[in-house]
């Protein structure tokens, strides 16, 4: 397993984390992270569509805190398909650190990174604060692709909102 570590005092720490975080690219047994992936995408069937071909990254700060999956779309674009942090560690900069890491990791391979999410103001604001801007919408994505109504808090998810970021 190849390990990617950030040096102290560099990108990961500028988000207020003064700990020794490590980010690993996981090449085998990706399903071991299913519990965490399901926090961001509650359908294992949907996860199974992108996990095998996607790159899985795991962020450790003593123990596992956050994961993400990035999949190629075409020769110029990749998509952040899933990013999740254990609930008790949310708001501590782990997701932001992962996005910064993968943006740097892919900047020589792709021109653009996409991310799709529900129409939830707090999540849209988070991605925008990470350098993404709204791109387009896929009408009825959640109602057409999930076998039950999807909610984020009390907001029902209907359309997929795509955001993009230049790498």
N, C-alpha and C. Protein backbone atom coordinates (compact mmCIF):
# COMPACT_ATOMS: atom_id res chain seq x y z
N UNK A 1 0.85 -1.17 0.00
CA UNK A 1 0.00 0.00 0.00
C UNK A 1 0.90 1.23 0.00
N UNK A 2 0.74 2.08 -0.99
CA UNK A 2 1.54 3.29 -1.07
C UNK A 2 0.99 4.31 -0.10
N UNK A 3 1.85 4.96 0.61
CA UNK A 3 1.45 5.93 1.62
C UNK A 3 1.86 7.33 1.16
N UNK A 4 0.90 8.26 1.25
CA UNK A 4 1.17 9.66 0.93
C UNK A 4 1.07 10.42 2.24
N UNK A 5 2.14 10.99 2.67
CA UNK A 5 2.12 11.73 3.93
C UNK A 5 2.43 13.20 3.68
N UNK A 6 1.76 14.04 4.38
CA UNK A 6 2.04 15.47 4.32
C UNK A 6 3.06 15.78 5.40
N UNK A 7 3.97 16.66 5.10
CA UNK A 7 4.96 17.08 6.08
C UNK A 7 4.31 18.06 7.04
N UNK A 8 4.83 18.09 8.25
CA UNK A 8 4.30 19.04 9.23
C UNK A 8 4.50 20.45 8.73
N UNK A 9 3.51 21.29 8.98
CA UNK A 9 3.61 22.68 8.59
C UNK A 9 3.18 22.96 7.16
N UNK A 10 2.71 21.94 6.42
CA UNK A 10 2.28 22.16 5.05
C UNK A 10 0.77 22.12 4.97
N UNK A 11 0.27 21.81 3.80
CA UNK A 11 -1.15 21.98 3.48
C UNK A 11 -2.13 21.46 4.53
N UNK A 12 -1.94 20.26 5.02
CA UNK A 12 -2.93 19.73 5.95
C UNK A 12 -3.02 20.57 7.22
N UNK A 13 -1.89 21.10 7.66
CA UNK A 13 -1.91 21.83 8.91
C UNK A 13 -2.43 23.26 8.79
N UNK A 14 -2.50 23.81 7.60
CA UNK A 14 -2.97 25.19 7.48
C UNK A 14 -4.46 25.31 7.79
N UNK A 15 -5.16 24.20 7.98
CA UNK A 15 -6.57 24.23 8.32
C UNK A 15 -6.78 24.15 9.83
N UNK A 16 -5.72 24.41 10.57
CA UNK A 16 -5.85 24.43 12.02
C UNK A 16 -5.57 23.10 12.67
N UNK A 17 -5.16 22.11 11.88
CA UNK A 17 -4.85 20.80 12.44
C UNK A 17 -3.35 20.71 12.65
N UNK A 18 -2.92 20.74 13.89
CA UNK A 18 -1.49 20.70 14.19
C UNK A 18 -1.05 19.29 14.55
N UNK A 19 -1.77 18.33 14.06
CA UNK A 19 -1.45 16.94 14.35
C UNK A 19 -0.79 16.31 13.14
N UNK A 20 -0.27 15.14 13.33
CA UNK A 20 0.41 14.42 12.26
C UNK A 20 -0.61 13.58 11.49
N UNK A 21 -1.22 14.19 10.50
CA UNK A 21 -2.20 13.48 9.67
C UNK A 21 -1.50 12.79 8.53
N UNK A 22 -2.06 11.66 8.12
CA UNK A 22 -1.55 10.92 6.97
C UNK A 22 -2.72 10.60 6.05
N UNK A 23 -2.46 10.65 4.76
CA UNK A 23 -3.47 10.27 3.78
C UNK A 23 -2.90 9.12 2.96
N UNK A 24 -3.64 8.04 2.89
CA UNK A 24 -3.23 6.86 2.14
C UNK A 24 -4.16 6.65 0.96
N UNK A 25 -3.58 6.25 -0.16
CA UNK A 25 -4.38 5.79 -1.29
C UNK A 25 -4.56 4.29 -1.09
N UNK A 26 -5.80 3.86 -1.04
CA UNK A 26 -6.13 2.46 -0.75
C UNK A 26 -6.36 1.73 -2.07
N UNK A 27 -5.60 0.68 -2.30
CA UNK A 27 -5.71 -0.06 -3.55
C UNK A 27 -6.41 -1.40 -3.41
N UNK A 28 -6.50 -1.91 -2.21
CA UNK A 28 -7.10 -3.23 -1.99
C UNK A 28 -8.13 -3.15 -0.87
N UNK A 29 -9.11 -4.05 -0.94
CA UNK A 29 -10.12 -4.18 0.10
C UNK A 29 -10.79 -2.83 0.43
N UNK A 30 -11.20 -2.13 -0.62
CA UNK A 30 -11.83 -0.82 -0.44
C UNK A 30 -13.14 -0.92 0.35
N UNK A 31 -13.80 -2.05 0.27
CA UNK A 31 -15.10 -2.20 0.97
C UNK A 31 -14.95 -2.18 2.49
N UNK A 32 -13.73 -2.30 2.99
CA UNK A 32 -13.54 -2.21 4.45
C UNK A 32 -13.95 -0.83 4.98
N UNK A 33 -14.06 0.15 4.08
CA UNK A 33 -14.44 1.50 4.46
C UNK A 33 -15.92 1.78 4.21
N UNK A 34 -16.70 0.74 3.96
CA UNK A 34 -18.10 0.90 3.59
C UNK A 34 -18.90 1.67 4.64
N UNK A 35 -18.66 1.42 5.92
CA UNK A 35 -19.43 2.11 6.96
C UNK A 35 -19.29 3.62 6.83
N UNK A 36 -18.09 4.09 6.52
CA UNK A 36 -17.86 5.52 6.38
C UNK A 36 -18.42 6.04 5.06
N UNK A 37 -18.23 5.29 3.98
CA UNK A 37 -18.76 5.69 2.68
C UNK A 37 -20.29 5.83 2.72
N UNK A 38 -20.93 4.97 3.49
CA UNK A 38 -22.39 5.01 3.59
C UNK A 38 -22.91 6.27 4.30
N UNK A 39 -22.05 6.98 5.01
CA UNK A 39 -22.47 8.24 5.63
C UNK A 39 -22.76 9.29 4.56
N UNK A 40 -22.06 9.22 3.43
CA UNK A 40 -22.23 10.22 2.37
C UNK A 40 -23.14 9.72 1.25
N UNK A 41 -23.25 8.42 1.11
CA UNK A 41 -24.09 7.82 0.06
C UNK A 41 -24.70 6.57 0.67
N UNK A 42 -25.96 6.65 1.05
CA UNK A 42 -26.53 5.56 1.83
C UNK A 42 -26.91 4.33 1.02
N UNK A 43 -26.59 4.32 -0.28
CA UNK A 43 -26.90 3.16 -1.10
C UNK A 43 -25.63 2.39 -1.46
N UNK A 44 -25.51 1.19 -0.92
CA UNK A 44 -24.36 0.35 -1.26
C UNK A 44 -24.36 0.03 -2.75
N UNK A 45 -25.52 -0.08 -3.35
CA UNK A 45 -25.62 -0.35 -4.80
C UNK A 45 -24.98 0.79 -5.58
N UNK A 46 -25.24 2.04 -5.18
CA UNK A 46 -24.64 3.18 -5.86
C UNK A 46 -23.13 3.22 -5.61
N UNK A 47 -22.70 2.95 -4.39
CA UNK A 47 -21.27 2.94 -4.07
C UNK A 47 -20.56 1.89 -4.92
N UNK A 48 -21.20 0.73 -5.10
CA UNK A 48 -20.59 -0.34 -5.90
C UNK A 48 -20.42 0.05 -7.36
N UNK A 49 -21.11 1.08 -7.82
CA UNK A 49 -20.96 1.53 -9.20
C UNK A 49 -19.67 2.32 -9.41
N UNK A 50 -19.19 3.03 -8.38
CA UNK A 50 -17.99 3.85 -8.57
C UNK A 50 -16.78 3.41 -7.76
N UNK A 51 -16.97 2.63 -6.72
CA UNK A 51 -15.83 2.25 -5.88
C UNK A 51 -14.79 1.41 -6.60
N UNK A 52 -15.17 0.40 -7.39
CA UNK A 52 -14.14 -0.44 -8.03
C UNK A 52 -13.20 0.34 -8.96
N UNK A 53 -13.72 1.30 -9.70
CA UNK A 53 -12.88 2.04 -10.65
C UNK A 53 -12.34 3.35 -10.07
N UNK A 54 -12.81 3.72 -8.89
CA UNK A 54 -12.37 4.98 -8.29
C UNK A 54 -11.15 4.81 -7.42
N UNK A 55 -10.48 5.92 -7.16
CA UNK A 55 -9.36 5.95 -6.22
C UNK A 55 -9.90 6.30 -4.85
N UNK A 56 -9.60 5.46 -3.87
CA UNK A 56 -10.04 5.69 -2.50
C UNK A 56 -8.87 6.22 -1.69
N UNK A 57 -9.11 7.32 -0.99
CA UNK A 57 -8.12 7.91 -0.11
C UNK A 57 -8.67 7.89 1.31
N UNK A 58 -7.81 7.56 2.27
CA UNK A 58 -8.21 7.54 3.67
C UNK A 58 -7.32 8.49 4.45
N UNK A 59 -7.93 9.32 5.27
CA UNK A 59 -7.20 10.27 6.10
C UNK A 59 -7.17 9.74 7.53
N UNK A 60 -5.96 9.63 8.05
CA UNK A 60 -5.75 9.16 9.42
C UNK A 60 -5.15 10.28 10.26
N UNK A 61 -5.67 10.44 11.45
CA UNK A 61 -5.09 11.32 12.45
C UNK A 61 -5.16 10.49 13.72
N UNK A 62 -4.12 9.75 13.98
CA UNK A 62 -4.09 8.66 14.94
C UNK A 62 -4.90 7.48 14.40
N UNK A 63 -6.20 7.69 14.18
CA UNK A 63 -7.02 6.64 13.58
C UNK A 63 -7.79 7.22 12.39
N UNK A 64 -8.58 6.40 11.75
CA UNK A 64 -9.31 6.82 10.57
C UNK A 64 -10.32 7.91 10.92
N UNK A 65 -10.29 8.99 10.14
CA UNK A 65 -11.22 10.10 10.34
C UNK A 65 -12.12 10.33 9.14
N UNK A 66 -11.56 10.18 7.91
CA UNK A 66 -12.29 10.60 6.73
C UNK A 66 -11.81 9.81 5.52
N UNK A 67 -12.70 9.64 4.53
CA UNK A 67 -12.34 8.98 3.27
C UNK A 67 -12.97 9.74 2.12
N UNK A 68 -12.43 9.51 0.92
CA UNK A 68 -13.07 10.03 -0.28
C UNK A 68 -12.76 9.10 -1.44
N UNK A 69 -13.59 9.17 -2.47
CA UNK A 69 -13.41 8.39 -3.69
C UNK A 69 -13.44 9.36 -4.87
N UNK A 70 -12.43 9.25 -5.73
CA UNK A 70 -12.35 10.07 -6.94
C UNK A 70 -12.34 9.13 -8.14
N UNK A 71 -13.17 9.42 -9.13
CA UNK A 71 -13.27 8.57 -10.32
C UNK A 71 -13.06 9.42 -11.57
N UNK A 72 -12.42 8.82 -12.59
CA UNK A 72 -12.25 9.56 -13.85
C UNK A 72 -13.58 9.68 -14.58
N UNK A 73 -13.79 10.83 -15.22
CA UNK A 73 -14.96 11.04 -16.07
C UNK A 73 -14.53 10.97 -17.53
N UNK A 74 -13.46 11.69 -17.85
CA UNK A 74 -12.84 11.64 -19.17
C UNK A 74 -11.38 12.07 -19.01
N UNK A 75 -10.68 12.33 -20.10
CA UNK A 75 -9.26 12.63 -20.01
C UNK A 75 -8.95 13.96 -19.33
N UNK A 76 -9.96 14.83 -19.20
CA UNK A 76 -9.73 16.14 -18.59
C UNK A 76 -10.44 16.34 -17.27
N UNK A 77 -11.36 15.44 -16.92
CA UNK A 77 -12.23 15.66 -15.76
C UNK A 77 -12.30 14.42 -14.87
N UNK A 78 -12.20 14.66 -13.57
CA UNK A 78 -12.45 13.61 -12.58
C UNK A 78 -13.59 14.08 -11.68
N UNK A 79 -14.16 13.15 -10.94
CA UNK A 79 -15.27 13.50 -10.05
C UNK A 79 -15.03 12.97 -8.66
N UNK A 80 -15.21 13.83 -7.68
CA UNK A 80 -15.22 13.44 -6.28
C UNK A 80 -16.59 12.79 -6.04
N UNK A 81 -16.61 11.46 -5.99
CA UNK A 81 -17.87 10.72 -5.93
C UNK A 81 -18.40 10.59 -4.50
N UNK A 82 -17.50 10.62 -3.53
CA UNK A 82 -17.91 10.40 -2.15
C UNK A 82 -16.85 11.02 -1.25
N UNK A 83 -17.27 11.73 -0.25
CA UNK A 83 -16.36 12.20 0.80
C UNK A 83 -17.14 12.14 2.10
N UNK A 84 -16.54 11.53 3.10
CA UNK A 84 -17.25 11.34 4.37
C UNK A 84 -16.27 11.39 5.53
N UNK A 85 -16.72 12.00 6.60
CA UNK A 85 -15.97 12.08 7.85
C UNK A 85 -16.88 11.56 8.95
N UNK A 86 -16.32 10.75 9.84
CA UNK A 86 -17.13 10.30 10.97
C UNK A 86 -17.74 11.52 11.66
N UNK A 87 -19.00 11.38 12.05
CA UNK A 87 -19.77 12.51 12.55
C UNK A 87 -19.07 13.25 13.70
N UNK A 88 -18.48 12.52 14.62
CA UNK A 88 -17.88 13.19 15.78
C UNK A 88 -16.62 13.99 15.41
N UNK A 89 -16.11 13.79 14.18
CA UNK A 89 -14.93 14.53 13.73
C UNK A 89 -15.26 15.58 12.68
N UNK A 90 -16.54 15.72 12.34
CA UNK A 90 -16.92 16.71 11.33
C UNK A 90 -16.69 18.12 11.87
N UNK A 91 -16.36 19.03 10.95
CA UNK A 91 -16.11 20.42 11.34
C UNK A 91 -14.72 20.68 11.87
N UNK A 92 -13.84 19.70 11.78
CA UNK A 92 -12.47 19.85 12.29
C UNK A 92 -11.44 19.99 11.17
N UNK A 93 -11.91 20.12 9.92
CA UNK A 93 -10.98 20.36 8.82
C UNK A 93 -10.53 19.13 8.05
N UNK A 94 -11.01 17.95 8.43
CA UNK A 94 -10.56 16.73 7.75
C UNK A 94 -11.05 16.65 6.30
N UNK A 95 -12.32 16.95 6.07
CA UNK A 95 -12.85 16.95 4.71
C UNK A 95 -12.15 17.97 3.84
N UNK A 96 -11.95 19.15 4.37
CA UNK A 96 -11.26 20.22 3.65
C UNK A 96 -9.82 19.80 3.32
N UNK A 97 -9.15 19.16 4.28
CA UNK A 97 -7.78 18.69 4.05
C UNK A 97 -7.74 17.64 2.95
N UNK A 98 -8.71 16.74 2.94
CA UNK A 98 -8.78 15.72 1.88
C UNK A 98 -9.00 16.36 0.51
N UNK A 99 -9.89 17.34 0.44
CA UNK A 99 -10.15 18.01 -0.84
C UNK A 99 -8.89 18.73 -1.33
N UNK A 100 -8.18 19.39 -0.43
CA UNK A 100 -6.93 20.06 -0.82
C UNK A 100 -5.93 19.03 -1.32
N UNK A 101 -5.83 17.91 -0.61
CA UNK A 101 -4.88 16.86 -0.99
C UNK A 101 -5.19 16.29 -2.37
N UNK A 102 -6.45 15.93 -2.61
CA UNK A 102 -6.78 15.32 -3.90
C UNK A 102 -6.70 16.34 -5.03
N UNK A 103 -6.98 17.60 -4.73
CA UNK A 103 -6.83 18.64 -5.75
C UNK A 103 -5.37 18.72 -6.18
N UNK A 104 -4.47 18.70 -5.22
CA UNK A 104 -3.04 18.71 -5.54
C UNK A 104 -2.62 17.41 -6.22
N UNK A 105 -3.15 16.30 -5.74
CA UNK A 105 -2.79 14.98 -6.27
C UNK A 105 -3.13 14.85 -7.75
N UNK A 106 -4.28 15.40 -8.16
CA UNK A 106 -4.76 15.23 -9.54
C UNK A 106 -4.47 16.41 -10.46
N UNK A 107 -3.83 17.47 -9.97
CA UNK A 107 -3.69 18.68 -10.79
C UNK A 107 -2.88 18.47 -12.06
N UNK A 108 -2.02 17.47 -12.10
CA UNK A 108 -1.25 17.20 -13.31
C UNK A 108 -1.93 16.20 -14.23
N UNK A 109 -3.01 15.59 -13.77
CA UNK A 109 -3.71 14.57 -14.55
C UNK A 109 -5.02 15.07 -15.17
N UNK A 110 -5.66 16.01 -14.50
CA UNK A 110 -6.96 16.51 -14.94
C UNK A 110 -6.98 18.03 -14.87
N UNK A 111 -7.87 18.63 -15.65
CA UNK A 111 -8.06 20.08 -15.61
C UNK A 111 -9.15 20.48 -14.65
N UNK A 112 -10.14 19.61 -14.49
CA UNK A 112 -11.33 19.95 -13.70
C UNK A 112 -11.74 18.80 -12.80
N UNK A 113 -12.21 19.15 -11.61
CA UNK A 113 -12.81 18.18 -10.70
C UNK A 113 -14.27 18.57 -10.49
N UNK A 114 -15.15 17.60 -10.60
CA UNK A 114 -16.57 17.78 -10.32
C UNK A 114 -16.92 17.15 -8.99
N UNK A 115 -17.99 17.64 -8.39
CA UNK A 115 -18.58 16.98 -7.24
C UNK A 115 -20.09 17.20 -7.34
N UNK A 116 -20.85 16.17 -7.07
CA UNK A 116 -22.31 16.27 -7.10
C UNK A 116 -22.86 16.08 -5.70
N UNK A 117 -23.88 16.85 -5.38
CA UNK A 117 -24.46 16.77 -4.05
C UNK A 117 -25.93 17.19 -4.12
N UNK A 118 -26.63 16.95 -3.04
CA UNK A 118 -28.01 17.40 -2.96
C UNK A 118 -28.07 18.90 -2.74
N UNK A 119 -29.25 19.44 -2.84
CA UNK A 119 -29.43 20.89 -2.71
C UNK A 119 -29.56 21.26 -1.23
N UNK A 120 -28.44 21.13 -0.53
CA UNK A 120 -28.36 21.41 0.90
C UNK A 120 -27.45 22.62 1.09
N UNK A 121 -27.97 23.74 1.58
CA UNK A 121 -27.17 24.96 1.66
C UNK A 121 -25.82 24.80 2.37
N UNK A 122 -25.79 24.11 3.49
CA UNK A 122 -24.53 23.99 4.24
C UNK A 122 -23.48 23.22 3.44
N UNK A 123 -23.89 22.18 2.74
CA UNK A 123 -22.94 21.38 1.96
C UNK A 123 -22.49 22.15 0.72
N UNK A 124 -23.41 22.82 0.06
CA UNK A 124 -23.02 23.65 -1.09
C UNK A 124 -22.03 24.72 -0.65
N UNK A 125 -22.27 25.34 0.48
CA UNK A 125 -21.38 26.37 1.01
C UNK A 125 -20.00 25.79 1.33
N UNK A 126 -19.96 24.57 1.89
CA UNK A 126 -18.69 23.92 2.18
C UNK A 126 -17.88 23.74 0.90
N UNK A 127 -18.51 23.17 -0.15
CA UNK A 127 -17.77 22.95 -1.40
C UNK A 127 -17.33 24.27 -2.02
N UNK A 128 -18.18 25.28 -1.95
CA UNK A 128 -17.79 26.59 -2.50
C UNK A 128 -16.60 27.16 -1.73
N UNK A 129 -16.54 26.94 -0.43
CA UNK A 129 -15.41 27.42 0.37
C UNK A 129 -14.13 26.65 0.07
N UNK A 130 -14.28 25.49 -0.57
CA UNK A 130 -13.12 24.68 -0.99
C UNK A 130 -12.72 24.97 -2.44
N UNK A 131 -13.32 25.99 -3.05
CA UNK A 131 -12.94 26.40 -4.39
C UNK A 131 -13.81 25.90 -5.52
N UNK A 132 -14.90 25.22 -5.19
CA UNK A 132 -15.83 24.75 -6.22
C UNK A 132 -16.83 25.85 -6.53
N UNK A 133 -17.35 25.85 -7.76
CA UNK A 133 -18.44 26.76 -8.13
C UNK A 133 -19.53 25.94 -8.79
N UNK A 134 -20.77 26.39 -8.65
CA UNK A 134 -21.88 25.62 -9.20
C UNK A 134 -21.77 25.53 -10.72
N UNK A 135 -22.05 24.34 -11.24
CA UNK A 135 -21.88 24.05 -12.66
C UNK A 135 -23.22 23.75 -13.34
N UNK A 136 -23.87 22.68 -12.91
CA UNK A 136 -25.13 22.28 -13.53
C UNK A 136 -25.94 21.40 -12.58
N UNK A 137 -27.11 21.04 -13.01
CA UNK A 137 -28.05 20.29 -12.19
C UNK A 137 -28.55 19.09 -12.99
N UNK A 138 -28.71 17.96 -12.31
CA UNK A 138 -29.33 16.78 -12.92
C UNK A 138 -30.68 16.62 -12.22
N UNK A 139 -31.73 16.94 -12.96
CA UNK A 139 -33.09 16.90 -12.42
C UNK A 139 -33.46 15.50 -11.95
N UNK A 140 -34.09 15.42 -10.80
CA UNK A 140 -34.66 14.18 -10.25
C UNK A 140 -33.64 13.06 -10.06
N UNK A 141 -32.36 13.39 -9.91
CA UNK A 141 -31.34 12.35 -9.74
C UNK A 141 -31.65 11.44 -8.56
N UNK A 142 -31.94 12.03 -7.42
CA UNK A 142 -32.14 11.22 -6.21
C UNK A 142 -33.45 10.44 -6.26
N UNK A 143 -34.49 11.03 -6.82
CA UNK A 143 -35.76 10.32 -6.91
C UNK A 143 -35.71 9.22 -7.97
N UNK A 144 -34.90 9.40 -9.01
CA UNK A 144 -34.79 8.39 -10.07
C UNK A 144 -33.82 7.27 -9.75
N UNK A 145 -32.83 7.51 -8.88
CA UNK A 145 -31.75 6.54 -8.67
C UNK A 145 -31.75 5.86 -7.32
N UNK A 146 -32.63 6.26 -6.43
CA UNK A 146 -32.70 5.63 -5.11
C UNK A 146 -34.11 5.10 -4.91
N UNK A 147 -34.20 3.97 -4.21
CA UNK A 147 -35.49 3.30 -4.07
C UNK A 147 -36.36 3.86 -2.94
N UNK A 148 -35.90 4.93 -2.30
CA UNK A 148 -36.66 5.56 -1.23
C UNK A 148 -36.31 7.05 -1.21
N UNK A 149 -37.16 7.87 -0.62
CA UNK A 149 -36.85 9.30 -0.54
C UNK A 149 -35.56 9.52 0.26
N UNK A 150 -34.72 10.42 -0.25
CA UNK A 150 -33.45 10.75 0.40
C UNK A 150 -33.58 12.09 1.10
N UNK A 151 -33.07 12.16 2.32
CA UNK A 151 -33.12 13.39 3.10
C UNK A 151 -31.75 13.71 3.65
N UNK A 152 -31.44 14.99 3.73
CA UNK A 152 -30.29 15.48 4.48
C UNK A 152 -30.89 16.36 5.56
N UNK A 153 -30.96 15.84 6.76
CA UNK A 153 -31.71 16.52 7.81
C UNK A 153 -33.18 16.49 7.43
N UNK A 154 -33.81 17.66 7.35
CA UNK A 154 -35.22 17.69 6.95
C UNK A 154 -35.40 18.15 5.51
N UNK A 155 -34.31 18.20 4.74
CA UNK A 155 -34.38 18.61 3.33
C UNK A 155 -34.42 17.37 2.45
N UNK A 156 -35.50 17.20 1.68
CA UNK A 156 -35.56 16.08 0.75
C UNK A 156 -34.68 16.37 -0.46
N UNK A 157 -33.85 15.41 -0.82
CA UNK A 157 -32.96 15.55 -1.96
C UNK A 157 -33.69 15.08 -3.21
N UNK A 158 -33.73 15.92 -4.22
CA UNK A 158 -34.39 15.60 -5.47
C UNK A 158 -33.39 15.70 -6.62
N UNK A 159 -32.89 16.91 -6.87
CA UNK A 159 -31.93 17.13 -7.95
C UNK A 159 -30.50 17.00 -7.44
N UNK A 160 -29.60 16.55 -8.32
CA UNK A 160 -28.17 16.54 -8.03
C UNK A 160 -27.61 17.86 -8.52
N UNK A 161 -26.93 18.58 -7.63
CA UNK A 161 -26.28 19.83 -7.98
C UNK A 161 -24.80 19.52 -8.19
N UNK A 162 -24.30 19.83 -9.38
CA UNK A 162 -22.88 19.62 -9.67
C UNK A 162 -22.12 20.92 -9.50
N UNK A 163 -20.97 20.80 -8.87
CA UNK A 163 -20.04 21.91 -8.74
C UNK A 163 -18.74 21.50 -9.42
N UNK A 164 -17.96 22.49 -9.86
CA UNK A 164 -16.69 22.19 -10.52
C UNK A 164 -15.59 23.06 -9.94
N UNK A 165 -14.37 22.54 -10.10
CA UNK A 165 -13.20 23.24 -9.60
C UNK A 165 -12.07 23.05 -10.60
N UNK A 166 -11.42 24.13 -10.98
CA UNK A 166 -10.25 24.01 -11.84
C UNK A 166 -9.09 23.51 -11.00
N UNK A 167 -8.34 22.58 -11.56
CA UNK A 167 -7.19 22.02 -10.85
C UNK A 167 -5.89 22.67 -11.29
